[in-house]
Amino acid sequence: MGEETLGIALYCSLRYQDDFSKGIIAAVNHNGDSDSTGAVTGNILGAISGYNAIDNKWKDNLELIDVILKVSDDMSCL
């Protein structure tokens, strides 16, 4: 099942690398482990595109956003 998740996530990330929302929506709309596939796709697209490429609808009301951004900033210094 992990291979399927990774395969679909990679496909969606490459196919929709310029549109975070379309990539996530494509990843979760299949007959498999869609929550994991969506999470992996979101991580890949976020790493490829960066924070500013993610639509605000995915970031608004995000729990612990200040912690997430702090960790991200700290990691970018490595």
N, C-alpha and C. Protein backbone atom coordinates (compact mmCIF):
# COMPACT_ATOMS: atom_id res chain seq x y z
N MET A 1 0.82 -1.19 0.00
CA MET A 1 0.00 0.00 0.00
C MET A 1 0.86 1.26 0.00
N GLY A 2 2.03 1.23 0.64
CA GLY A 2 2.92 2.38 0.66
C GLY A 2 3.42 2.75 -0.73
N GLU A 3 3.64 1.71 -1.56
CA GLU A 3 4.10 1.97 -2.92
C GLU A 3 3.03 2.71 -3.71
N GLU A 4 1.78 2.33 -3.51
CA GLU A 4 0.67 3.00 -4.20
C GLU A 4 0.57 4.46 -3.77
N THR A 5 0.66 4.68 -2.47
CA THR A 5 0.60 6.05 -1.94
C THR A 5 1.71 6.90 -2.56
N LEU A 6 2.92 6.42 -2.53
CA LEU A 6 4.03 7.17 -3.08
C LEU A 6 3.89 7.38 -4.58
N GLY A 7 3.47 6.36 -5.29
CA GLY A 7 3.30 6.47 -6.74
C GLY A 7 2.27 7.52 -7.12
N ILE A 8 1.11 7.48 -6.46
CA ILE A 8 0.06 8.45 -6.76
C ILE A 8 0.49 9.85 -6.34
N ALA A 9 1.14 9.96 -5.19
CA ALA A 9 1.60 11.27 -4.71
C ALA A 9 2.63 11.87 -5.67
N LEU A 10 3.55 11.07 -6.16
CA LEU A 10 4.53 11.56 -7.12
C LEU A 10 3.88 11.99 -8.42
N TYR A 11 2.95 11.17 -8.90
CA TYR A 11 2.24 11.52 -10.13
C TYR A 11 1.51 12.85 -9.96
N CYS A 12 0.74 12.99 -8.89
CA CYS A 12 -0.03 14.21 -8.68
C CYS A 12 0.88 15.42 -8.49
N SER A 13 2.00 15.22 -7.82
CA SER A 13 2.94 16.31 -7.60
C SER A 13 3.59 16.78 -8.89
N LEU A 14 3.94 15.84 -9.75
CA LEU A 14 4.55 16.21 -11.03
C LEU A 14 3.52 16.77 -12.00
N ARG A 15 2.35 16.17 -12.02
CA ARG A 15 1.29 16.60 -12.94
C ARG A 15 0.80 18.00 -12.60
N TYR A 16 0.70 18.31 -11.30
CA TYR A 16 0.14 19.59 -10.86
C TYR A 16 1.16 20.41 -10.08
N GLN A 17 2.41 20.38 -10.49
CA GLN A 17 3.44 21.07 -9.73
C GLN A 17 3.25 22.58 -9.70
N ASP A 18 2.45 23.11 -10.61
CA ASP A 18 2.19 24.55 -10.63
C ASP A 18 0.86 24.93 -9.99
N ASP A 19 0.15 23.94 -9.44
CA ASP A 19 -1.16 24.22 -8.82
C ASP A 19 -1.36 23.30 -7.62
N PHE A 20 -1.00 23.81 -6.44
CA PHE A 20 -1.07 23.04 -5.21
C PHE A 20 -2.46 22.44 -4.99
N SER A 21 -3.50 23.27 -5.13
CA SER A 21 -4.86 22.81 -4.87
C SER A 21 -5.27 21.66 -5.79
N LYS A 22 -4.98 21.78 -7.08
CA LYS A 22 -5.33 20.70 -8.01
C LYS A 22 -4.58 19.41 -7.67
N GLY A 23 -3.33 19.55 -7.25
CA GLY A 23 -2.55 18.38 -6.88
C GLY A 23 -3.13 17.65 -5.68
N ILE A 24 -3.51 18.40 -4.67
CA ILE A 24 -4.10 17.80 -3.46
C ILE A 24 -5.44 17.16 -3.78
N ILE A 25 -6.26 17.87 -4.54
CA ILE A 25 -7.59 17.35 -4.88
C ILE A 25 -7.47 16.06 -5.69
N ALA A 26 -6.56 16.04 -6.65
CA ALA A 26 -6.35 14.82 -7.44
C ALA A 26 -5.87 13.68 -6.56
N ALA A 27 -5.01 13.98 -5.60
CA ALA A 27 -4.44 12.94 -4.74
C ALA A 27 -5.47 12.29 -3.84
N VAL A 28 -6.43 13.04 -3.37
CA VAL A 28 -7.40 12.47 -2.43
C VAL A 28 -8.63 11.88 -3.11
N ASN A 29 -8.78 12.10 -4.40
CA ASN A 29 -9.95 11.59 -5.12
C ASN A 29 -9.63 10.31 -5.89
N HIS A 30 -9.26 9.29 -5.16
CA HIS A 30 -9.03 7.98 -5.76
C HIS A 30 -9.49 6.92 -4.77
N ASN A 31 -9.59 5.69 -5.23
CA ASN A 31 -10.09 4.59 -4.40
C ASN A 31 -8.98 3.90 -3.63
N GLY A 32 -8.26 4.65 -2.85
CA GLY A 32 -7.19 4.06 -2.07
C GLY A 32 -7.05 4.78 -0.76
N ASP A 33 -5.86 4.76 -0.23
CA ASP A 33 -5.56 5.40 1.04
C ASP A 33 -5.39 6.91 0.81
N SER A 34 -6.52 7.56 0.56
CA SER A 34 -6.48 8.94 0.08
C SER A 34 -5.98 9.95 1.10
N ASP A 35 -6.17 9.69 2.39
CA ASP A 35 -5.67 10.66 3.38
C ASP A 35 -4.14 10.65 3.40
N SER A 36 -3.55 9.48 3.33
CA SER A 36 -2.08 9.39 3.28
C SER A 36 -1.54 9.95 1.98
N THR A 37 -2.22 9.64 0.89
CA THR A 37 -1.78 10.14 -0.41
C THR A 37 -1.84 11.66 -0.45
N GLY A 38 -2.90 12.23 0.10
CA GLY A 38 -3.01 13.69 0.17
C GLY A 38 -1.93 14.31 1.02
N ALA A 39 -1.60 13.67 2.13
CA ALA A 39 -0.55 14.20 3.01
C ALA A 39 0.81 14.15 2.33
N VAL A 40 1.13 13.04 1.67
CA VAL A 40 2.42 12.92 1.00
C VAL A 40 2.49 13.91 -0.16
N THR A 41 1.41 14.02 -0.91
CA THR A 41 1.38 14.97 -2.03
C THR A 41 1.57 16.40 -1.52
N GLY A 42 0.91 16.74 -0.44
CA GLY A 42 1.05 18.08 0.14
C GLY A 42 2.47 18.38 0.56
N ASN A 43 3.13 17.39 1.13
CA ASN A 43 4.53 17.57 1.53
C ASN A 43 5.43 17.76 0.32
N ILE A 44 5.22 16.96 -0.71
CA ILE A 44 6.05 17.08 -1.90
C ILE A 44 5.82 18.42 -2.59
N LEU A 45 4.55 18.77 -2.81
CA LEU A 45 4.24 20.03 -3.47
C LEU A 45 4.71 21.23 -2.66
N GLY A 46 4.59 21.14 -1.35
CA GLY A 46 5.07 22.22 -0.50
C GLY A 46 6.57 22.40 -0.60
N ALA A 47 7.29 21.29 -0.66
CA ALA A 47 8.75 21.36 -0.79
C ALA A 47 9.16 21.90 -2.15
N ILE A 48 8.43 21.51 -3.19
CA ILE A 48 8.74 21.98 -4.54
C ILE A 48 8.41 23.46 -4.71
N SER A 49 7.22 23.83 -4.26
CA SER A 49 6.67 25.15 -4.58
C SER A 49 6.95 26.22 -3.54
N GLY A 50 7.06 25.83 -2.29
CA GLY A 50 7.24 26.80 -1.23
C GLY A 50 5.93 27.30 -0.64
N TYR A 51 6.05 27.93 0.48
CA TYR A 51 4.90 28.38 1.27
C TYR A 51 3.98 29.31 0.49
N ASN A 52 4.55 30.25 -0.23
CA ASN A 52 3.73 31.26 -0.92
C ASN A 52 2.91 30.70 -2.07
N ALA A 53 3.26 29.55 -2.58
CA ALA A 53 2.52 28.94 -3.67
C ALA A 53 1.28 28.18 -3.18
N ILE A 54 1.18 28.00 -1.87
CA ILE A 54 0.03 27.30 -1.29
C ILE A 54 -1.10 28.30 -1.07
N ASP A 55 -2.27 28.01 -1.63
CA ASP A 55 -3.43 28.90 -1.49
C ASP A 55 -3.76 29.11 -0.01
N ASN A 56 -4.21 30.31 0.30
CA ASN A 56 -4.56 30.64 1.69
C ASN A 56 -5.63 29.73 2.28
N LYS A 57 -6.51 29.18 1.45
CA LYS A 57 -7.56 28.31 1.99
C LYS A 57 -6.97 27.08 2.69
N TRP A 58 -5.75 26.69 2.33
CA TRP A 58 -5.08 25.57 2.98
C TRP A 58 -4.32 26.00 4.23
N LYS A 59 -4.06 27.31 4.35
CA LYS A 59 -3.27 27.82 5.47
C LYS A 59 -4.11 28.53 6.52
N ASP A 60 -5.25 29.08 6.12
CA ASP A 60 -6.11 29.78 7.08
C ASP A 60 -6.60 28.81 8.15
N ASN A 61 -6.56 29.25 9.36
CA ASN A 61 -7.01 28.46 10.51
C ASN A 61 -6.20 27.18 10.72
N LEU A 62 -5.00 27.16 10.21
CA LEU A 62 -4.14 25.99 10.39
C LEU A 62 -3.61 25.98 11.83
N GLU A 63 -3.84 24.90 12.50
CA GLU A 63 -3.42 24.77 13.88
C GLU A 63 -1.89 24.78 13.97
N LEU A 64 -1.36 25.52 14.92
CA LEU A 64 0.08 25.60 15.19
C LEU A 64 0.89 26.19 14.03
N ILE A 65 0.28 27.08 13.26
CA ILE A 65 0.97 27.67 12.11
C ILE A 65 2.25 28.37 12.53
N ASP A 66 2.24 29.02 13.68
CA ASP A 66 3.45 29.73 14.13
C ASP A 66 4.60 28.75 14.40
N VAL A 67 4.29 27.60 14.95
CA VAL A 67 5.31 26.58 15.22
C VAL A 67 5.82 25.99 13.90
N ILE A 68 4.91 25.71 12.99
CA ILE A 68 5.29 25.14 11.69
C ILE A 68 6.22 26.09 10.95
N LEU A 69 5.88 27.38 10.93
CA LEU A 69 6.72 28.36 10.23
C LEU A 69 8.07 28.53 10.91
N LYS A 70 8.10 28.45 12.23
CA LYS A 70 9.37 28.56 12.98
C LYS A 70 10.28 27.38 12.64
N VAL A 71 9.74 26.19 12.66
CA VAL A 71 10.53 25.00 12.33
C VAL A 71 11.03 25.09 10.89
N SER A 72 10.17 25.53 9.99
CA SER A 72 10.54 25.66 8.59
C SER A 72 11.68 26.67 8.43
N ASP A 73 11.57 27.80 9.11
CA ASP A 73 12.65 28.79 9.04
C ASP A 73 13.95 28.25 9.60
N ASP A 74 13.86 27.52 10.72
CA ASP A 74 15.05 26.94 11.33
C ASP A 74 15.70 25.92 10.38
N MET A 75 14.89 25.15 9.68
CA MET A 75 15.43 24.13 8.78
C MET A 75 16.08 24.76 7.54
N SER A 76 15.61 25.91 7.14
CA SER A 76 16.17 26.54 5.95
C SER A 76 17.58 27.07 6.21
N CYS A 77 17.96 27.17 7.47
CA CYS A 77 19.30 27.63 7.81
C CYS A 77 20.33 26.51 7.80
N LEU A 78 19.86 25.28 7.66
CA LEU A 78 20.79 24.13 7.69
C LEU A 78 21.54 23.98 6.40
